[in-house]
Amino acid sequence: MKITLNGEAKDVAARDIETLLRELDYRPEIVATALNREFVPRGARGTATLAEGDAVEILSPMKGG
């Protein structure tokens, strides 16, 4: 399925955000996620269903100050 991931078109097999994180080798405990501009808490990622054309943002912590 085609989604937009962090502003770029991407073809993925995952059907929910939890599976998407595993597919893309993200560490789910240290990232924040949003689906179509709505924050998705860690506990809701398995039920946050993806659909063709959805926009997903995955944010990792950055060092600095």
PDB file of N, CA and C in Angstrom:
ATOM      1  N   MET A   1       0.843  -1.163   0.000  1.00  0.00           N
ATOM      2  CA  MET A   1       0.000   0.000   0.000  1.00  0.00           C
ATOM      3  C   MET A   1       0.894   1.233   0.000  1.00  0.00           C
ATOM      4  N   LYS A   2       0.456   2.265  -0.655  1.00  0.00           N
ATOM      5  CA  LYS A   2       1.228   3.504  -0.732  1.00  0.00           C
ATOM      6  C   LYS A   2       0.756   4.472   0.356  1.00  0.00           C
ATOM      7  N   ILE A   3       1.724   4.943   1.143  1.00  0.00           N
ATOM      8  CA  ILE A   3       1.467   5.951   2.158  1.00  0.00           C
ATOM      9  C   ILE A   3       2.511   7.051   1.999  1.00  0.00           C
ATOM     10  N   THR A   4       2.328   8.123   2.736  1.00  0.00           N
ATOM     11  CA  THR A   4       3.358   9.145   2.832  1.00  0.00           C
ATOM     12  C   THR A   4       3.979   9.011   4.212  1.00  0.00           C
ATOM     13  N   LEU A   5       5.274   8.753   4.245  1.00  0.00           N
ATOM     14  CA  LEU A   5       5.992   8.556   5.499  1.00  0.00           C
ATOM     15  C   LEU A   5       6.998   9.681   5.667  1.00  0.00           C
ATOM     16  N   ASN A   6       6.794  10.486   6.688  1.00  0.00           N
ATOM     17  CA  ASN A   6       7.679  11.624   6.956  1.00  0.00           C
ATOM     18  C   ASN A   6       7.870  12.478   5.703  1.00  0.00           C
ATOM     19  N   GLY A   7       6.778  12.684   4.967  1.00  0.00           N
ATOM     20  CA  GLY A   7       6.795  13.563   3.803  1.00  0.00           C
ATOM     21  C   GLY A   7       7.219  12.924   2.499  1.00  0.00           C
ATOM     22  N   GLU A   8       7.537  11.627   2.514  1.00  0.00           N
ATOM     23  CA  GLU A   8       7.985  10.948   1.295  1.00  0.00           C
ATOM     24  C   GLU A   8       7.086   9.760   0.979  1.00  0.00           C
ATOM     25  N   ALA A   9       6.800   9.544  -0.306  1.00  0.00           N
ATOM     26  CA  ALA A   9       5.987   8.402  -0.730  1.00  0.00           C
ATOM     27  C   ALA A   9       6.712   7.106  -0.407  1.00  0.00           C
ATOM     28  N   LYS A  10       5.957   6.137   0.105  1.00  0.00           N
ATOM     29  CA  LYS A  10       6.549   4.853   0.492  1.00  0.00           C
ATOM     30  C   LYS A  10       5.520   3.756   0.265  1.00  0.00           C
ATOM     31  N   ASP A  11       5.983   2.617  -0.244  1.00  0.00           N
ATOM     32  CA  ASP A  11       5.131   1.446  -0.429  1.00  0.00           C
ATOM     33  C   ASP A  11       5.424   0.486   0.718  1.00  0.00           C
ATOM     34  N   VAL A  12       4.399   0.146   1.505  1.00  0.00           N
ATOM     35  CA  VAL A  12       4.592  -0.696   2.685  1.00  0.00           C
ATOM     36  C   VAL A  12       3.591  -1.851   2.698  1.00  0.00           C
ATOM     37  N   ALA A  13       3.933  -2.885   3.447  1.00  0.00           N
ATOM     38  CA  ALA A  13       3.034  -4.032   3.607  1.00  0.00           C
ATOM     39  C   ALA A  13       2.193  -3.909   4.875  1.00  0.00           C
ATOM     40  N   ALA A  14       2.659  -3.144   5.851  1.00  0.00           N
ATOM     41  CA  ALA A  14       1.990  -3.033   7.152  1.00  0.00           C
ATOM     42  C   ALA A  14       0.578  -2.492   7.008  1.00  0.00           C
ATOM     43  N   ARG A  15      -0.290  -2.932   7.921  1.00  0.00           N
ATOM     44  CA  ARG A  15      -1.683  -2.484   7.935  1.00  0.00           C
ATOM     45  C   ARG A  15      -2.022  -1.664   9.176  1.00  0.00           C
ATOM     46  N   ASP A  16      -1.038  -1.508  10.078  1.00  0.00           N
ATOM     47  CA  ASP A  16      -1.224  -0.662  11.251  1.00  0.00           C
ATOM     48  C   ASP A  16       0.137  -0.071  11.634  1.00  0.00           C
ATOM     49  N   ILE A  17       0.109   0.913  12.488  1.00  0.00           N
ATOM     50  CA  ILE A  17       1.352   1.617  12.824  1.00  0.00           C
ATOM     51  C   ILE A  17       2.321   0.718  13.591  1.00  0.00           C
ATOM     52  N   GLU A  18       1.821  -0.110  14.481  1.00  0.00           N
ATOM     53  CA  GLU A  18       2.706  -1.010  15.225  1.00  0.00           C
ATOM     54  C   GLU A  18       3.509  -1.908  14.279  1.00  0.00           C
ATOM     55  N   THR A  19       2.835  -2.489  13.311  1.00  0.00           N
ATOM     56  CA  THR A  19       3.501  -3.355  12.336  1.00  0.00           C
ATOM     57  C   THR A  19       4.435  -2.550  11.438  1.00  0.00           C
ATOM     58  N   LEU A  20       4.036  -1.334  11.096  1.00  0.00           N
ATOM     59  CA  LEU A  20       4.872  -0.469  10.267  1.00  0.00           C
ATOM     60  C   LEU A  20       6.207  -0.191  10.950  1.00  0.00           C
ATOM     61  N   LEU A  21       6.174   0.089  12.237  1.00  0.00           N
ATOM     62  CA  LEU A  21       7.416   0.353  12.968  1.00  0.00           C
ATOM     63  C   LEU A  21       8.356  -0.844  12.909  1.00  0.00           C
ATOM     64  N   ARG A  22       7.804  -2.043  13.073  1.00  0.00           N
ATOM     65  CA  ARG A  22       8.639  -3.254  12.974  1.00  0.00           C
ATOM     66  C   ARG A  22       9.172  -3.428  11.556  1.00  0.00           C
ATOM     67  N   GLU A  23       8.301  -3.204  10.561  1.00  0.00           N
ATOM     68  CA  GLU A  23       8.710  -3.356   9.159  1.00  0.00           C
ATOM     69  C   GLU A  23       9.878  -2.439   8.817  1.00  0.00           C
ATOM     70  N   LEU A  24       9.878  -1.249   9.391  1.00  0.00           N
ATOM     71  CA  LEU A  24      10.903  -0.253   9.076  1.00  0.00           C
ATOM     72  C   LEU A  24      12.058  -0.246  10.084  1.00  0.00           C
ATOM     73  N   ASP A  25      12.065  -1.207  11.001  1.00  0.00           N
ATOM     74  CA  ASP A  25      13.132  -1.355  12.005  1.00  0.00           C
ATOM     75  C   ASP A  25      13.273  -0.162  12.940  1.00  0.00           C
ATOM     76  N   TYR A  26      12.154   0.457  13.316  1.00  0.00           N
ATOM     77  CA  TYR A  26      12.170   1.502  14.339  1.00  0.00           C
ATOM     78  C   TYR A  26      12.033   0.848  15.706  1.00  0.00           C
ATOM     79  N   ARG A  27      12.604   1.462  16.710  1.00  0.00           N
ATOM     80  CA  ARG A  27      12.417   1.016  18.091  1.00  0.00           C
ATOM     81  C   ARG A  27      11.168   1.716  18.631  1.00  0.00           C
ATOM     82  N   PRO A  28      10.062   0.996  18.783  1.00  0.00           N
ATOM     83  CA  PRO A  28       8.791   1.631  19.122  1.00  0.00           C
ATOM     84  C   PRO A  28       8.778   2.348  20.462  1.00  0.00           C
ATOM     85  N   GLU A  29       9.649   1.950  21.377  1.00  0.00           N
ATOM     86  CA  GLU A  29       9.639   2.573  22.701  1.00  0.00           C
ATOM     87  C   GLU A  29      10.277   3.959  22.708  1.00  0.00           C
ATOM     88  N   ILE A  30      10.960   4.349  21.641  1.00  0.00           N
ATOM     89  CA  ILE A  30      11.634   5.660  21.662  1.00  0.00           C
ATOM     90  C   ILE A  30      11.172   6.601  20.557  1.00  0.00           C
ATOM     91  N   VAL A  31      10.067   6.294  19.881  1.00  0.00           N
ATOM     92  CA  VAL A  31       9.578   7.182  18.833  1.00  0.00           C
ATOM     93  C   VAL A  31       8.174   7.665  19.170  1.00  0.00           C
ATOM     94  N   ALA A  32       7.809   8.783  18.570  1.00  0.00           N
ATOM     95  CA  ALA A  32       6.440   9.295  18.618  1.00  0.00           C
ATOM     96  C   ALA A  32       5.839   9.100  17.234  1.00  0.00           C
ATOM     97  N   THR A  33       4.529   8.862  17.189  1.00  0.00           N
ATOM     98  CA  THR A  33       3.886   8.588  15.908  1.00  0.00           C
ATOM     99  C   THR A  33       2.631   9.434  15.736  1.00  0.00           C
ATOM    100  N   ALA A  34       2.353   9.760  14.470  1.00  0.00           N
ATOM    101  CA  ALA A  34       1.126  10.472  14.123  1.00  0.00           C
ATOM    102  C   ALA A  34       0.573   9.878  12.837  1.00  0.00           C
ATOM    103  N   LEU A  35      -0.745   9.817  12.755  1.00  0.00           N
ATOM    104  CA  LEU A  35      -1.439   9.331  11.573  1.00  0.00           C
ATOM    105  C   LEU A  35      -2.363  10.436  11.098  1.00  0.00           C
ATOM    106  N   ASN A  36      -2.129  10.914   9.891  1.00  0.00           N
ATOM    107  CA  ASN A  36      -2.918  12.012   9.324  1.00  0.00           C
ATOM    108  C   ASN A  36      -2.995  13.201  10.283  1.00  0.00           C
ATOM    109  N   ARG A  37      -1.831  13.557  10.822  1.00  0.00           N
ATOM    110  CA  ARG A  37      -1.636  14.729  11.681  1.00  0.00           C
ATOM    111  C   ARG A  37      -2.223  14.588  13.079  1.00  0.00           C
ATOM    112  N   GLU A  38      -2.663  13.375  13.452  1.00  0.00           N
ATOM    113  CA  GLU A  38      -3.198  13.121  14.792  1.00  0.00           C
ATOM    114  C   GLU A  38      -2.222  12.225  15.549  1.00  0.00           C
ATOM    115  N   PHE A  39      -1.827  12.662  16.738  1.00  0.00           N
ATOM    116  CA  PHE A  39      -0.913  11.879  17.573  1.00  0.00           C
ATOM    117  C   PHE A  39      -1.505  10.499  17.853  1.00  0.00           C
ATOM    118  N   VAL A  40      -0.671   9.469  17.755  1.00  0.00           N
ATOM    119  CA  VAL A  40      -1.084   8.095  18.078  1.00  0.00           C
ATOM    120  C   VAL A  40      -0.227   7.613  19.243  1.00  0.00           C
ATOM    121  N   PRO A  41      -0.817   7.464  20.442  1.00  0.00           N
ATOM    122  CA  PRO A  41      -0.035   6.995  21.580  1.00  0.00           C
ATOM    123  C   PRO A  41       0.449   5.563  21.389  1.00  0.00           C
ATOM    124  N   ARG A  42       1.497   5.214  22.087  1.00  0.00           N
ATOM    125  CA  ARG A  42       2.111   3.887  21.947  1.00  0.00           C
ATOM    126  C   ARG A  42       1.084   2.762  22.093  1.00  0.00           C
ATOM    127  N   GLY A  43       0.204   2.844  23.058  1.00  0.00           N
ATOM    128  CA  GLY A  43      -0.775   1.792  23.302  1.00  0.00           C
ATOM    129  C   GLY A  43      -1.835   1.648  22.225  1.00  0.00           C
ATOM    130  N   ALA A  44      -1.967   2.639  21.352  1.00  0.00           N
ATOM    131  CA  ALA A  44      -2.991   2.600  20.301  1.00  0.00           C
ATOM    132  C   ALA A  44      -2.424   2.257  18.928  1.00  0.00           C
ATOM    133  N   ARG A  45      -1.139   2.038  18.837  1.00  0.00           N
ATOM    134  CA  ARG A  45      -0.522   1.817  17.522  1.00  0.00           C
ATOM    135  C   ARG A  45      -1.016   0.548  16.838  1.00  0.00           C
ATOM    136  N   GLY A  46      -1.324  -0.494  17.582  1.00  0.00           N
ATOM    137  CA  GLY A  46      -1.798  -1.742  16.997  1.00  0.00           C
ATOM    138  C   GLY A  46      -3.186  -1.638  16.409  1.00  0.00           C
ATOM    139  N   THR A  47      -3.955  -0.645  16.856  1.00  0.00           N
ATOM    140  CA  THR A  47      -5.313  -0.454  16.334  1.00  0.00           C
ATOM    141  C   THR A  47      -5.408   0.750  15.402  1.00  0.00           C
ATOM    142  N   ALA A  48      -4.311   1.449  15.200  1.00  0.00           N
ATOM    143  CA  ALA A  48      -4.280   2.593  14.276  1.00  0.00           C
ATOM    144  C   ALA A  48      -4.081   2.054  12.864  1.00  0.00           C
ATOM    145  N   THR A  49      -5.188   1.746  12.205  1.00  0.00           N
ATOM    146  CA  THR A  49      -5.178   1.090  10.900  1.00  0.00           C
ATOM    147  C   THR A  49      -4.749   2.045   9.801  1.00  0.00           C
ATOM    148  N   LEU A  50      -3.887   1.561   8.921  1.00  0.00           N
ATOM    149  CA  LEU A  50      -3.415   2.343   7.779  1.00  0.00           C
ATOM    150  C   LEU A  50      -4.303   2.093   6.568  1.00  0.00           C
ATOM    151  N   ALA A  51      -4.455   3.123   5.745  1.00  0.00           N
ATOM    152  CA  ALA A  51      -5.196   3.018   4.492  1.00  0.00           C
ATOM    153  C   ALA A  51      -4.379   3.681   3.389  1.00  0.00           C
ATOM    154  N   GLU A  52      -4.660   3.297   2.177  1.00  0.00           N
ATOM    155  CA  GLU A  52      -3.988   3.872   1.008  1.00  0.00           C
ATOM    156  C   GLU A  52      -4.026   5.397   1.090  1.00  0.00           C
ATOM    157  N   GLY A  53      -2.860   6.023   0.923  1.00  0.00           N
ATOM    158  CA  GLY A  53      -2.781   7.477   0.899  1.00  0.00           C
ATOM    159  C   GLY A  53      -2.621   8.146   2.252  1.00  0.00           C
ATOM    160  N   ASP A  54      -2.624   7.370   3.346  1.00  0.00           N
ATOM    161  CA  ASP A  54      -2.457   7.964   4.670  1.00  0.00           C
ATOM    162  C   ASP A  54      -1.092   8.629   4.802  1.00  0.00           C
ATOM    163  N   ALA A  55      -1.031   9.606   5.702  1.00  0.00           N
ATOM    164  CA  ALA A  55       0.230  10.279   6.023  1.00  0.00           C
ATOM    165  C   ALA A  55       0.653   9.862   7.427  1.00  0.00           C
ATOM    166  N   VAL A  56       1.850   9.303   7.542  1.00  0.00           N
ATOM    167  CA  VAL A  56       2.383   8.848   8.823  1.00  0.00           C
ATOM    168  C   VAL A  56       3.651   9.637   9.121  1.00  0.00           C
ATOM    169  N   GLU A  57       3.750  10.082  10.354  1.00  0.00           N
ATOM    170  CA  GLU A  57       4.973  10.733  10.821  1.00  0.00           C
ATOM    171  C   GLU A  57       5.553   9.884  11.940  1.00  0.00           C
ATOM    172  N   ILE A  58       6.844   9.613  11.858  1.00  0.00           N
ATOM    173  CA  ILE A  58       7.565   8.903  12.910  1.00  0.00           C
ATOM    174  C   ILE A  58       8.701   9.816  13.349  1.00  0.00           C
ATOM    175  N   LEU A  59       8.669  10.209  14.609  1.00  0.00           N
ATOM    176  CA  LEU A  59       9.645  11.163  15.128  1.00  0.00           C
ATOM    177  C   LEU A  59      10.540  10.491  16.149  1.00  0.00           C
ATOM    178  N   SER A  60      11.837  10.583  15.926  1.00  0.00           N
ATOM    179  CA  SER A  60      12.834  10.036  16.846  1.00  0.00           C
ATOM    180  C   SER A  60      13.440  11.169  17.651  1.00  0.00           C
ATOM    181  N   PRO A  61      13.850  10.898  18.896  1.00  0.00           N
ATOM    182  CA  PRO A  61      14.493  11.941  19.688  1.00  0.00           C
ATOM    183  C   PRO A  61      15.815  12.363  19.054  1.00  0.00           C
ATOM    184  N   MET A  62      16.143  13.648  19.247  1.00  0.00           N
ATOM    185  CA  MET A  62      17.389  14.186  18.701  1.00  0.00           C
ATOM    186  C   MET A  62      18.218  14.743  19.844  1.00  0.00           C
ATOM    187  N   LYS A  63      19.507  14.568  19.766  1.00  0.00           N
ATOM    188  CA  LYS A  63      20.407  15.140  20.762  1.00  0.00           C
ATOM    189  C   LYS A  63      20.674  16.594  20.412  1.00  0.00           C
ATOM    190  N   GLY A  64      20.933  17.360  21.411  1.00  0.00           N
ATOM    191  CA  GLY A  64      21.269  18.754  21.173  1.00  0.00           C
ATOM    192  C   GLY A  64      20.647  19.626  22.240  1.00  0.00           C
ATOM    193  N   GLY A  65      20.787  20.910  22.049  1.00  0.00           N
ATOM    194  CA  GLY A  65      20.236  21.761  23.082  1.00  0.00           C
ATOM    195  C   GLY A  65      20.088  23.155  22.671  1.00  0.00           C
TER     196      GLY A  65
END
